[in-house]
PDB file of all heavy atoms in Angstrom:
ATOM      1  N   ALA A   1       6.827  -0.718 -18.955  1.00  0.00           N
ATOM      2  CA  ALA A   1       6.358  -0.142 -17.708  1.00  0.00           C
ATOM      3  C   ALA A   1       5.460  -1.200 -17.097  1.00  0.00           C
ATOM      4  O   ALA A   1       4.758  -1.909 -17.813  1.00  0.00           O
ATOM      5  CB  ALA A   1       5.578   1.139 -17.957  1.00  0.00           C
ATOM      6  N   ALA A   2       5.496  -1.337 -15.798  1.00  0.00           N
ATOM      7  CA  ALA A   2       4.685  -2.368 -15.175  1.00  0.00           C
ATOM      8  C   ALA A   2       4.267  -1.922 -13.784  1.00  0.00           C
ATOM      9  O   ALA A   2       4.921  -1.092 -13.161  1.00  0.00           O
ATOM     10  CB  ALA A   2       5.464  -3.680 -15.095  1.00  0.00           C
ATOM     11  N   ILE A   3       3.188  -2.492 -13.307  1.00  0.00           N
ATOM     12  CA  ILE A   3       2.720  -2.269 -11.956  1.00  0.00           C
ATOM     13  C   ILE A   3       3.301  -3.392 -11.103  1.00  0.00           C
ATOM     14  O   ILE A   3       3.098  -4.561 -11.397  1.00  0.00           O
ATOM     15  CB  ILE A   3       1.180  -2.295 -11.879  1.00  0.00           C
ATOM     16  CG1 ILE A   3       0.549  -1.337 -12.901  1.00  0.00           C
ATOM     17  CG2 ILE A   3       0.711  -2.005 -10.463  1.00  0.00           C
ATOM     18  CD1 ILE A   3       0.902   0.115 -12.722  1.00  0.00           C
ATOM     19  N   GLY A   4       4.032  -3.042 -10.066  1.00  0.00           N
ATOM     20  CA  GLY A   4       4.623  -4.034  -9.172  1.00  0.00           C
ATOM     21  C   GLY A   4       3.652  -4.380  -8.055  1.00  0.00           C
ATOM     22  O   GLY A   4       2.463  -4.575  -8.285  1.00  0.00           O
ATOM     23  N   ASP A   5       4.147  -4.422  -6.813  1.00  0.00           N
ATOM     24  CA  ASP A   5       3.290  -4.709  -5.661  1.00  0.00           C
ATOM     25  C   ASP A   5       2.182  -3.678  -5.588  1.00  0.00           C
ATOM     26  O   ASP A   5       2.412  -2.477  -5.719  1.00  0.00           O
ATOM     27  CB  ASP A   5       4.104  -4.669  -4.363  1.00  0.00           C
ATOM     28  CG  ASP A   5       5.072  -5.826  -4.239  1.00  0.00           C
ATOM     29  OD1 ASP A   5       4.847  -6.866  -4.902  1.00  0.00           O
ATOM     30  OD2 ASP A   5       6.050  -5.698  -3.490  1.00  0.00           O
ATOM     31  N   PHE A   6       0.953  -4.140  -5.356  1.00  0.00           N
ATOM     32  CA  PHE A   6      -0.224  -3.279  -5.341  1.00  0.00           C
ATOM     33  C   PHE A   6      -1.081  -3.738  -4.170  1.00  0.00           C
ATOM     34  O   PHE A   6      -1.577  -4.864  -4.177  1.00  0.00           O
ATOM     35  CB  PHE A   6      -0.944  -3.418  -6.680  1.00  0.00           C
ATOM     36  CG  PHE A   6      -2.132  -2.517  -6.890  1.00  0.00           C
ATOM     37  CD1 PHE A   6      -2.345  -1.374  -6.136  1.00  0.00           C
ATOM     38  CD2 PHE A   6      -3.045  -2.810  -7.880  1.00  0.00           C
ATOM     39  CE1 PHE A   6      -3.430  -0.553  -6.356  1.00  0.00           C
ATOM     40  CE2 PHE A   6      -4.128  -1.994  -8.129  1.00  0.00           C
ATOM     41  CZ  PHE A   6      -4.323  -0.866  -7.358  1.00  0.00           C
ATOM     42  N   THR A   7      -1.228  -2.906  -3.129  1.00  0.00           N
ATOM     43  CA  THR A   7      -1.918  -3.327  -1.919  1.00  0.00           C
ATOM     44  C   THR A   7      -2.819  -2.233  -1.359  1.00  0.00           C
ATOM     45  O   THR A   7      -2.680  -1.064  -1.698  1.00  0.00           O
ATOM     46  CB  THR A   7      -0.902  -3.693  -0.813  1.00  0.00           C
ATOM     47  OG1 THR A   7      -0.091  -2.548  -0.532  1.00  0.00           O
ATOM     48  CG2 THR A   7      -0.022  -4.859  -1.220  1.00  0.00           C
ATOM     49  N   ALA A   8      -3.722  -2.632  -0.485  1.00  0.00           N
ATOM     50  CA  ALA A   8      -4.538  -1.719   0.314  1.00  0.00           C
ATOM     51  C   ALA A   8      -4.381  -2.205   1.748  1.00  0.00           C
ATOM     52  O   ALA A   8      -4.865  -3.271   2.109  1.00  0.00           O
ATOM     53  CB  ALA A   8      -5.999  -1.766  -0.121  1.00  0.00           C
ATOM     54  N   GLU A   9      -3.657  -1.424   2.555  1.00  0.00           N
ATOM     55  CA  GLU A   9      -3.327  -1.880   3.903  1.00  0.00           C
ATOM     56  C   GLU A   9      -3.519  -0.776   4.925  1.00  0.00           C
ATOM     57  O   GLU A   9      -3.580   0.398   4.589  1.00  0.00           O
ATOM     58  CB  GLU A   9      -1.870  -2.357   3.950  1.00  0.00           C
ATOM     59  CG  GLU A   9      -1.617  -3.533   3.042  1.00  0.00           C
ATOM     60  CD  GLU A   9      -0.147  -3.917   2.971  1.00  0.00           C
ATOM     61  OE1 GLU A   9       0.716  -3.021   2.897  1.00  0.00           O
ATOM     62  OE2 GLU A   9       0.120  -5.123   2.996  1.00  0.00           O
ATOM     63  N   THR A  10      -3.581  -1.189   6.186  1.00  0.00           N
ATOM     64  CA  THR A  10      -3.676  -0.262   7.295  1.00  0.00           C
ATOM     65  C   THR A  10      -2.742  -0.732   8.399  1.00  0.00           C
ATOM     66  O   THR A  10      -2.313  -1.884   8.409  1.00  0.00           O
ATOM     67  CB  THR A  10      -5.131  -0.162   7.807  1.00  0.00           C
ATOM     68  OG1 THR A  10      -5.235   0.906   8.724  1.00  0.00           O
ATOM     69  CG2 THR A  10      -5.599  -1.451   8.447  1.00  0.00           C
ATOM     70  N   MET A  11      -2.431   0.152   9.318  1.00  0.00           N
ATOM     71  CA  MET A  11      -1.577  -0.217  10.447  1.00  0.00           C
ATOM     72  C   MET A  11      -2.428  -0.862  11.533  1.00  0.00           C
ATOM     73  O   MET A  11      -3.553  -0.433  11.793  1.00  0.00           O
ATOM     74  CB  MET A  11      -0.884   1.016  11.022  1.00  0.00           C
ATOM     75  CG  MET A  11       0.188   1.595  10.136  1.00  0.00           C
ATOM     76  SD  MET A  11       1.555   0.464   9.832  1.00  0.00           S
ATOM     77  CE  MET A  11       2.335   0.416  11.418  1.00  0.00           C
ATOM     78  N   TYR A  12      -1.886  -1.871  12.163  1.00  0.00           N
ATOM     79  CA  TYR A  12      -2.554  -2.524  13.276  1.00  0.00           C
ATOM     80  C   TYR A  12      -1.707  -2.289  14.518  1.00  0.00           C
ATOM     81  O   TYR A  12      -0.509  -2.550  14.500  1.00  0.00           O
ATOM     82  CB  TYR A  12      -2.694  -4.022  13.012  1.00  0.00           C
ATOM     83  CG  TYR A  12      -3.318  -4.774  14.151  1.00  0.00           C
ATOM     84  CD1 TYR A  12      -4.679  -4.681  14.393  1.00  0.00           C
ATOM     85  CD2 TYR A  12      -2.545  -5.548  14.995  1.00  0.00           C
ATOM     86  CE1 TYR A  12      -5.261  -5.348  15.448  1.00  0.00           C
ATOM     87  CE2 TYR A  12      -3.113  -6.227  16.051  1.00  0.00           C
ATOM     88  CZ  TYR A  12      -4.476  -6.111  16.279  1.00  0.00           C
ATOM     89  OH  TYR A  12      -5.045  -6.781  17.325  1.00  0.00           O
ATOM     90  N   GLY A  13      -2.303  -1.769  15.553  1.00  0.00           N
ATOM     91  CA  GLY A  13      -1.552  -1.522  16.778  1.00  0.00           C
ATOM     92  C   GLY A  13      -0.816  -0.199  16.718  1.00  0.00           C
ATOM     93  O   GLY A  13      -1.171   0.703  15.963  1.00  0.00           O
ATOM     94  N   ASN A  14       0.226  -0.085  17.477  1.00  0.00           N
ATOM     95  CA  ASN A  14       1.041   1.123  17.542  1.00  0.00           C
ATOM     96  C   ASN A  14       1.715   1.350  16.200  1.00  0.00           C
ATOM     97  O   ASN A  14       2.445   0.491  15.720  1.00  0.00           O
ATOM     98  CB  ASN A  14       2.097   0.942  18.650  1.00  0.00           C
ATOM     99  CG  ASN A  14       2.991   2.142  18.798  1.00  0.00           C
ATOM    100  OD1 ASN A  14       3.096   2.980  17.910  1.00  0.00           O
ATOM    101  ND2 ASN A  14       3.643   2.227  19.941  1.00  0.00           N
ATOM    102  N   PRO A  15       1.515   2.513  15.560  1.00  0.00           N
ATOM    103  CA  PRO A  15       2.102   2.756  14.239  1.00  0.00           C
ATOM    104  C   PRO A  15       3.619   2.604  14.202  1.00  0.00           C
ATOM    105  O   PRO A  15       4.176   2.287  13.169  1.00  0.00           O
ATOM    106  CB  PRO A  15       1.694   4.194  13.920  1.00  0.00           C
ATOM    107  CG  PRO A  15       0.486   4.434  14.738  1.00  0.00           C
ATOM    108  CD  PRO A  15       0.656   3.608  15.988  1.00  0.00           C
ATOM    109  N   GLU A  16       4.287   2.822  15.338  1.00  0.00           N
ATOM    110  CA  GLU A  16       5.738   2.703  15.332  1.00  0.00           C
ATOM    111  C   GLU A  16       6.207   1.256  15.346  1.00  0.00           C
ATOM    112  O   GLU A  16       7.296   0.955  14.891  1.00  0.00           O
ATOM    113  CB  GLU A  16       6.332   3.469  16.516  1.00  0.00           C
ATOM    114  CG  GLU A  16       6.131   4.972  16.356  1.00  0.00           C
ATOM    115  CD  GLU A  16       6.846   5.763  17.423  1.00  0.00           C
ATOM    116  OE1 GLU A  16       7.779   5.223  18.043  1.00  0.00           O
ATOM    117  OE2 GLU A  16       6.465   6.916  17.630  1.00  0.00           O
ATOM    118  N   VAL A  17       5.407   0.369  15.907  1.00  0.00           N
ATOM    119  CA  VAL A  17       5.818  -1.038  15.978  1.00  0.00           C
ATOM    120  C   VAL A  17       4.774  -1.972  15.380  1.00  0.00           C
ATOM    121  O   VAL A  17       4.953  -3.171  15.385  1.00  0.00           O
ATOM    122  CB  VAL A  17       6.114  -1.466  17.438  1.00  0.00           C
ATOM    123  CG1 VAL A  17       7.283  -0.714  17.989  1.00  0.00           C
ATOM    124  CG2 VAL A  17       4.881  -1.297  18.313  1.00  0.00           C
ATOM    125  N   GLY A  18       3.670  -1.405  14.893  1.00  0.00           N
ATOM    126  CA  GLY A  18       2.591  -2.223  14.346  1.00  0.00           C
ATOM    127  C   GLY A  18       2.967  -2.842  13.020  1.00  0.00           C
ATOM    128  O   GLY A  18       4.021  -2.590  12.453  1.00  0.00           O
ATOM    129  N   SER A  19       2.078  -3.665  12.533  1.00  0.00           N
ATOM    130  CA  SER A  19       2.310  -4.291  11.243  1.00  0.00           C
ATOM    131  C   SER A  19       1.185  -3.912  10.284  1.00  0.00           C
ATOM    132  O   SER A  19       0.104  -3.513  10.708  1.00  0.00           O
ATOM    133  CB  SER A  19       2.388  -5.810  11.402  1.00  0.00           C
ATOM    134  OG  SER A  19       1.186  -6.288  11.980  1.00  0.00           O
ATOM    135  N   LEU A  20       1.463  -4.028   9.008  1.00  0.00           N
ATOM    136  CA  LEU A  20       0.447  -3.727   7.996  1.00  0.00           C
ATOM    137  C   LEU A  20      -0.477  -4.924   7.832  1.00  0.00           C
ATOM    138  O   LEU A  20      -0.029  -6.061   7.764  1.00  0.00           O
ATOM    139  CB  LEU A  20       1.112  -3.397   6.667  1.00  0.00           C
ATOM    140  CG  LEU A  20       1.915  -2.102   6.645  1.00  0.00           C
ATOM    141  CD1 LEU A  20       2.647  -1.948   5.317  1.00  0.00           C
ATOM    142  CD2 LEU A  20       1.011  -0.916   6.889  1.00  0.00           C
ATOM    143  N   VAL A  21      -1.761  -4.639   7.786  1.00  0.00           N
ATOM    144  CA  VAL A  21      -2.767  -5.678   7.577  1.00  0.00           C
ATOM    145  C   VAL A  21      -3.729  -5.189   6.506  1.00  0.00           C
ATOM    146  O   VAL A  21      -3.856  -3.987   6.262  1.00  0.00           O
ATOM    147  CB  VAL A  21      -3.532  -6.004   8.886  1.00  0.00           C
ATOM    148  CG1 VAL A  21      -2.590  -6.594   9.925  1.00  0.00           C
ATOM    149  CG2 VAL A  21      -4.239  -4.775   9.435  1.00  0.00           C
ATOM    150  N   PRO A  22      -4.428  -6.109   5.838  1.00  0.00           N
ATOM    151  CA  PRO A  22      -5.385  -5.688   4.803  1.00  0.00           C
ATOM    152  C   PRO A  22      -6.493  -4.805   5.371  1.00  0.00           C
ATOM    153  O   PRO A  22      -6.899  -4.963   6.523  1.00  0.00           O
ATOM    154  CB  PRO A  22      -5.964  -7.017   4.302  1.00  0.00           C
ATOM    155  CG  PRO A  22      -4.937  -8.045   4.659  1.00  0.00           C
ATOM    156  CD  PRO A  22      -4.307  -7.552   5.938  1.00  0.00           C
ATOM    157  N   CYS A  23      -6.972  -3.885   4.575  1.00  0.00           N
ATOM    158  CA  CYS A  23      -8.093  -3.028   4.961  1.00  0.00           C
ATOM    159  C   CYS A  23      -9.368  -3.850   4.970  1.00  0.00           C
ATOM    160  O   CYS A  23      -9.672  -4.534   3.986  1.00  0.00           O
ATOM    161  CB  CYS A  23      -8.249  -1.884   3.962  1.00  0.00           C
ATOM    162  SG  CYS A  23      -6.882  -0.737   3.990  1.00  0.00           S
ATOM    163  N   THR A  24     -10.127  -3.762   6.058  1.00  0.00           N
ATOM    164  CA  THR A  24     -11.402  -4.486   6.142  1.00  0.00           C
ATOM    165  C   THR A  24     -12.476  -3.677   6.850  1.00  0.00           C
ATOM    166  O   THR A  24     -13.610  -4.123   6.926  1.00  0.00           O
ATOM    167  CB  THR A  24     -11.232  -5.815   6.906  1.00  0.00           C
ATOM    168  OG1 THR A  24     -10.710  -5.529   8.208  1.00  0.00           O
ATOM    169  CG2 THR A  24     -10.313  -6.779   6.173  1.00  0.00           C
ATOM    170  N   THR A  25     -12.139  -2.484   7.369  1.00  0.00           N
ATOM    171  CA  THR A  25     -13.052  -1.770   8.246  1.00  0.00           C
ATOM    172  C   THR A  25     -13.395  -0.380   7.723  1.00  0.00           C
ATOM    173  O   THR A  25     -12.503   0.440   7.487  1.00  0.00           O
ATOM    174  CB  THR A  25     -12.437  -1.651   9.659  1.00  0.00           C
ATOM    175  OG1 THR A  25     -12.062  -2.948  10.107  1.00  0.00           O
ATOM    176  CG2 THR A  25     -13.420  -1.042  10.633  1.00  0.00           C
ATOM    177  N   ALA A  26     -14.702  -0.127   7.568  1.00  0.00           N
ATOM    178  CA  ALA A  26     -15.179   1.197   7.172  1.00  0.00           C
ATOM    179  C   ALA A  26     -14.874   2.173   8.297  1.00  0.00           C
ATOM    180  O   ALA A  26     -14.969   1.833   9.476  1.00  0.00           O
ATOM    181  CB  ALA A  26     -16.676   1.160   6.892  1.00  0.00           C
ATOM    182  N   GLY A  27     -14.472   3.389   7.940  1.00  0.00           N
ATOM    183  CA  GLY A  27     -14.156   4.407   8.918  1.00  0.00           C
ATOM    184  C   GLY A  27     -12.719   4.367   9.406  1.00  0.00           C
ATOM    185  O   GLY A  27     -12.331   5.193  10.220  1.00  0.00           O
ATOM    186  N   LYS A  28     -11.924   3.417   8.937  1.00  0.00           N
ATOM    187  CA  LYS A  28     -10.513   3.337   9.310  1.00  0.00           C
ATOM    188  C   LYS A  28      -9.650   3.674   8.111  1.00  0.00           C
ATOM    189  O   LYS A  28      -9.926   3.260   6.991  1.00  0.00           O
ATOM    190  CB  LYS A  28     -10.149   1.928   9.790  1.00  0.00           C
ATOM    191  CG  LYS A  28     -10.492   1.673  11.224  1.00  0.00           C
ATOM    192  CD  LYS A  28      -9.940   0.360  11.681  1.00  0.00           C
ATOM    193  CE  LYS A  28      -8.686   0.601  12.481  1.00  0.00           C
ATOM    194  NZ  LYS A  28      -8.184  -0.604  13.117  1.00  0.00           N
ATOM    195  N   TYR A  29      -8.571   4.405   8.364  1.00  0.00           N
ATOM    196  CA  TYR A  29      -7.648   4.821   7.311  1.00  0.00           C
ATOM    197  C   TYR A  29      -6.994   3.614   6.634  1.00  0.00           C
ATOM    198  O   TYR A  29      -6.594   2.657   7.290  1.00  0.00           O
ATOM    199  CB  TYR A  29      -6.563   5.709   7.914  1.00  0.00           C
ATOM    200  CG  TYR A  29      -5.406   5.959   6.990  1.00  0.00           C
ATOM    201  CD1 TYR A  29      -5.503   6.906   5.982  1.00  0.00           C
ATOM    202  CD2 TYR A  29      -4.236   5.218   7.099  1.00  0.00           C
ATOM    203  CE1 TYR A  29      -4.448   7.130   5.116  1.00  0.00           C
ATOM    204  CE2 TYR A  29      -3.169   5.438   6.238  1.00  0.00           C
ATOM    205  CZ  TYR A  29      -3.285   6.390   5.251  1.00  0.00           C
ATOM    206  OH  TYR A  29      -2.242   6.601   4.385  1.00  0.00           O
ATOM    207  N   CYS A  30      -6.862   3.701   5.316  1.00  0.00           N
ATOM    208  CA  CYS A  30      -6.152   2.701   4.522  1.00  0.00           C
ATOM    209  C   CYS A  30      -5.213   3.424   3.556  1.00  0.00           C
ATOM    210  O   CYS A  30      -5.539   4.504   3.067  1.00  0.00           O
ATOM    211  CB  CYS A  30      -7.118   1.874   3.673  1.00  0.00           C
ATOM    212  SG  CYS A  30      -8.214   0.828   4.618  1.00  0.00           S
ATOM    213  N   LEU A  31      -4.099   2.796   3.287  1.00  0.00           N
ATOM    214  CA  LEU A  31      -3.181   3.308   2.278  1.00  0.00           C
ATOM    215  C   LEU A  31      -3.225   2.346   1.102  1.00  0.00           C
ATOM    216  O   LEU A  31      -2.921   1.166   1.247  1.00  0.00           O
ATOM    217  CB  LEU A  31      -1.747   3.393   2.807  1.00  0.00           C
ATOM    218  CG  LEU A  31      -0.698   3.799   1.778  1.00  0.00           C
ATOM    219  CD1 LEU A  31      -0.955   5.214   1.260  1.00  0.00           C
ATOM    220  CD2 LEU A  31       0.696   3.702   2.370  1.00  0.00           C
ATOM    221  N   VAL A  32      -3.653   2.840  -0.041  1.00  0.00           N
ATOM    222  CA  VAL A  32      -3.674   2.046  -1.259  1.00  0.00           C
ATOM    223  C   VAL A  32      -2.461   2.482  -2.062  1.00  0.00           C
ATOM    224  O   VAL A  32      -2.295   3.673  -2.334  1.00  0.00           O
ATOM    225  CB  VAL A  32      -4.969   2.283  -2.071  1.00  0.00           C
ATOM    226  CG1 VAL A  32      -4.973   1.447  -3.336  1.00  0.00           C
ATOM    227  CG2 VAL A  32      -6.191   1.991  -1.208  1.00  0.00           C
ATOM    228  N   GLY A  33      -1.604   1.544  -2.416  1.00  0.00           N
ATOM    229  CA  GLY A  33      -0.387   1.924  -3.111  1.00  0.00           C
ATOM    230  C   GLY A  33       0.085   0.896  -4.102  1.00  0.00           C
ATOM    231  O   GLY A  33      -0.150  -0.305  -3.930  1.00  0.00           O
ATOM    232  N   ALA A  34       0.726   1.380  -5.148  1.00  0.00           N
ATOM    233  CA  ALA A  34       1.291   0.511  -6.187  1.00  0.00           C
ATOM    234  C   ALA A  34       2.693   1.000  -6.518  1.00  0.00           C
ATOM    235  O   ALA A  34       2.905   2.195  -6.740  1.00  0.00           O
ATOM    236  CB  ALA A  34       0.421   0.525  -7.437  1.00  0.00           C
ATOM    237  N   TRP A  35       3.638   0.083  -6.547  1.00  0.00           N
ATOM    238  CA  TRP A  35       4.993   0.396  -6.996  1.00  0.00           C
ATOM    239  C   TRP A  35       5.032   0.313  -8.503  1.00  0.00           C
ATOM    240  O   TRP A  35       4.498  -0.632  -9.087  1.00  0.00           O
ATOM    241  CB  TRP A  35       6.013  -0.570  -6.391  1.00  0.00           C
ATOM    242  CG  TRP A  35       6.253  -0.326  -4.943  1.00  0.00           C
ATOM    243  CD1 TRP A  35       5.776  -1.059  -3.893  1.00  0.00           C
ATOM    244  CD2 TRP A  35       7.005   0.733  -4.369  1.00  0.00           C
ATOM    245  NE1 TRP A  35       6.191  -0.515  -2.714  1.00  0.00           N
ATOM    246  CE2 TRP A  35       6.951   0.589  -2.969  1.00  0.00           C
ATOM    247  CE3 TRP A  35       7.722   1.804  -4.900  1.00  0.00           C
ATOM    248  CZ2 TRP A  35       7.587   1.465  -2.099  1.00  0.00           C
ATOM    249  CZ3 TRP A  35       8.354   2.670  -4.034  1.00  0.00           C
ATOM    250  CH2 TRP A  35       8.290   2.501  -2.649  1.00  0.00           C
ATOM    251  N   LEU A  36       5.671   1.273  -9.143  1.00  0.00           N
ATOM    252  CA  LEU A  36       5.813   1.295 -10.591  1.00  0.00           C
ATOM    253  C   LEU A  36       7.205   0.785 -10.913  1.00  0.00           C
ATOM    254  O   LEU A  36       8.189   1.291 -10.389  1.00  0.00           O
ATOM    255  CB  LEU A  36       5.597   2.714 -11.122  1.00  0.00           C
ATOM    256  CG  LEU A  36       4.292   3.376 -10.642  1.00  0.00           C
ATOM    257  CD1 LEU A  36       4.235   4.818 -11.106  1.00  0.00           C
ATOM    258  CD2 LEU A  36       3.084   2.596 -11.097  1.00  0.00           C
ATOM    259  N   VAL A  37       7.286  -0.229 -11.756  1.00  0.00           N
ATOM    260  CA  VAL A  37       8.569  -0.879 -12.040  1.00  0.00           C
ATOM    261  C   VAL A  37       8.793  -0.965 -13.538  1.00  0.00           C
ATOM    262  O   VAL A  37       7.905  -0.694 -14.333  1.00  0.00           O
ATOM    263  CB  VAL A  37       8.622  -2.292 -11.405  1.00  0.00           C
ATOM    264  CG1 VAL A  37       8.515  -2.203  -9.895  1.00  0.00           C
ATOM    265  CG2 VAL A  37       7.527  -3.191 -11.958  1.00  0.00           C
ATOM    266  N   GLY A  38       9.978  -1.377 -13.926  1.00  0.00           N
ATOM    267  CA  GLY A  38      10.287  -1.551 -15.340  1.00  0.00           C
ATOM    268  C   GLY A  38      11.084  -0.383 -15.888  1.00  0.00           C
ATOM    269  O   GLY A  38      11.335   0.613 -15.218  1.00  0.00           O
ATOM    270  N   GLU A  39      11.479  -0.535 -17.123  1.00  0.00           N
ATOM    271  CA  GLU A  39      12.326   0.455 -17.786  1.00  0.00           C
ATOM    272  C   GLU A  39      11.675   1.837 -17.834  1.00  0.00           C
ATOM    273  O   GLU A  39      12.336   2.848 -17.702  1.00  0.00           O
ATOM    274  CB  GLU A  39      12.635  -0.034 -19.201  1.00  0.00           C
ATOM    275  CG  GLU A  39      13.667   0.789 -19.926  1.00  0.00           C
ATOM    276  CD  GLU A  39      13.990   0.184 -21.279  1.00  0.00           C
ATOM    277  OE1 GLU A  39      14.260  -1.029 -21.351  1.00  0.00           O
ATOM    278  OE2 GLU A  39      13.936   0.937 -22.261  1.00  0.00           O
ATOM    279  N   ASP A  40      10.363   1.867 -18.001  1.00  0.00           N
ATOM    280  CA  ASP A  40       9.639   3.140 -18.091  1.00  0.00           C
ATOM    281  C   ASP A  40       8.872   3.447 -16.811  1.00  0.00           C
ATOM    282  O   ASP A  40       7.808   4.052 -16.842  1.00  0.00           O
ATOM    283  CB  ASP A  40       8.664   3.104 -19.272  1.00  0.00           C
ATOM    284  CG  ASP A  40       9.367   3.177 -20.600  1.00  0.00           C
ATOM    285  OD1 ASP A  40      10.532   3.615 -20.628  1.00  0.00           O
ATOM    286  OD2 ASP A  40       8.767   2.783 -21.607  1.00  0.00           O
ATOM    287  N   GLN A  41       9.409   3.058 -15.669  1.00  0.00           N
ATOM    288  CA  GLN A  41       8.697   3.220 -14.408  1.00  0.00           C
ATOM    289  C   GLN A  41       8.390   4.666 -14.056  1.00  0.00           C
ATOM    290  O   GLN A  41       7.525   4.940 -13.240  1.00  0.00           O
ATOM    291  CB  GLN A  41       9.477   2.575 -13.274  1.00  0.00           C
ATOM    292  CG  GLN A  41      10.795   3.264 -12.962  1.00  0.00           C
ATOM    293  CD  GLN A  41      11.608   2.490 -11.943  1.00  0.00           C
ATOM    294  OE1 GLN A  41      11.336   1.347 -11.658  1.00  0.00           O
ATOM    295  NE2 GLN A  41      12.619   3.138 -11.399  1.00  0.00           N
ATOM    296  N   HIS A  42       9.074   5.601 -14.689  1.00  0.00           N
ATOM    297  CA  HIS A  42       8.856   7.021 -14.375  1.00  0.00           C
ATOM    298  C   HIS A  42       7.794   7.676 -15.265  1.00  0.00           C
ATOM    299  O   HIS A  42       7.581   8.880 -15.161  1.00  0.00           O
ATOM    300  CB  HIS A  42      10.174   7.789 -14.484  1.00  0.00           C
ATOM    301  CG  HIS A  42      11.193   7.314 -13.496  1.00  0.00           C
ATOM    302  ND1 HIS A  42      11.111   7.569 -12.156  1.00  0.00           N
ATOM    303  CD2 HIS A  42      12.310   6.566 -13.653  1.00  0.00           C
ATOM    304  CE1 HIS A  42      12.128   7.015 -11.523  1.00  0.00           C
ATOM    305  NE2 HIS A  42      12.875   6.395 -12.409  1.00  0.00           N
ATOM    306  N   THR A  43       7.135   6.909 -16.111  1.00  0.00           N
ATOM    307  CA  THR A  43       6.094   7.482 -16.968  1.00  0.00           C
ATOM    308  C   THR A  43       4.803   7.649 -16.159  1.00  0.00           C
ATOM    309  O   THR A  43       4.619   7.005 -15.133  1.00  0.00           O
ATOM    310  CB  THR A  43       5.840   6.599 -18.212  1.00  0.00           C
ATOM    311  OG1 THR A  43       5.440   5.303 -17.781  1.00  0.00           O
ATOM    312  CG2 THR A  43       7.086   6.497 -19.072  1.00  0.00           C
ATOM    313  N   PRO A  44       3.901   8.517 -16.598  1.00  0.00           N
ATOM    314  CA  PRO A  44       2.669   8.768 -15.844  1.00  0.00           C
ATOM    315  C   PRO A  44       1.865   7.494 -15.578  1.00  0.00           C
ATOM    316  O   PRO A  44       1.838   6.572 -16.388  1.00  0.00           O
ATOM    317  CB  PRO A  44       1.883   9.722 -16.756  1.00  0.00           C
ATOM    318  CG  PRO A  44       2.937  10.415 -17.550  1.00  0.00           C
ATOM    319  CD  PRO A  44       3.996   9.368 -17.783  1.00  0.00           C
TER     320      PRO A  44
END
């Protein structure tokens, strides 16, 4: 089991056409996410 891409990002600009940028601002929404990869990727 392994942790793949692991980021903390927010949308910049219009959410429909904006791009993801690193979180740097207090009071702004961020999505922290990690992809789980490997043979046992479905384990807790």
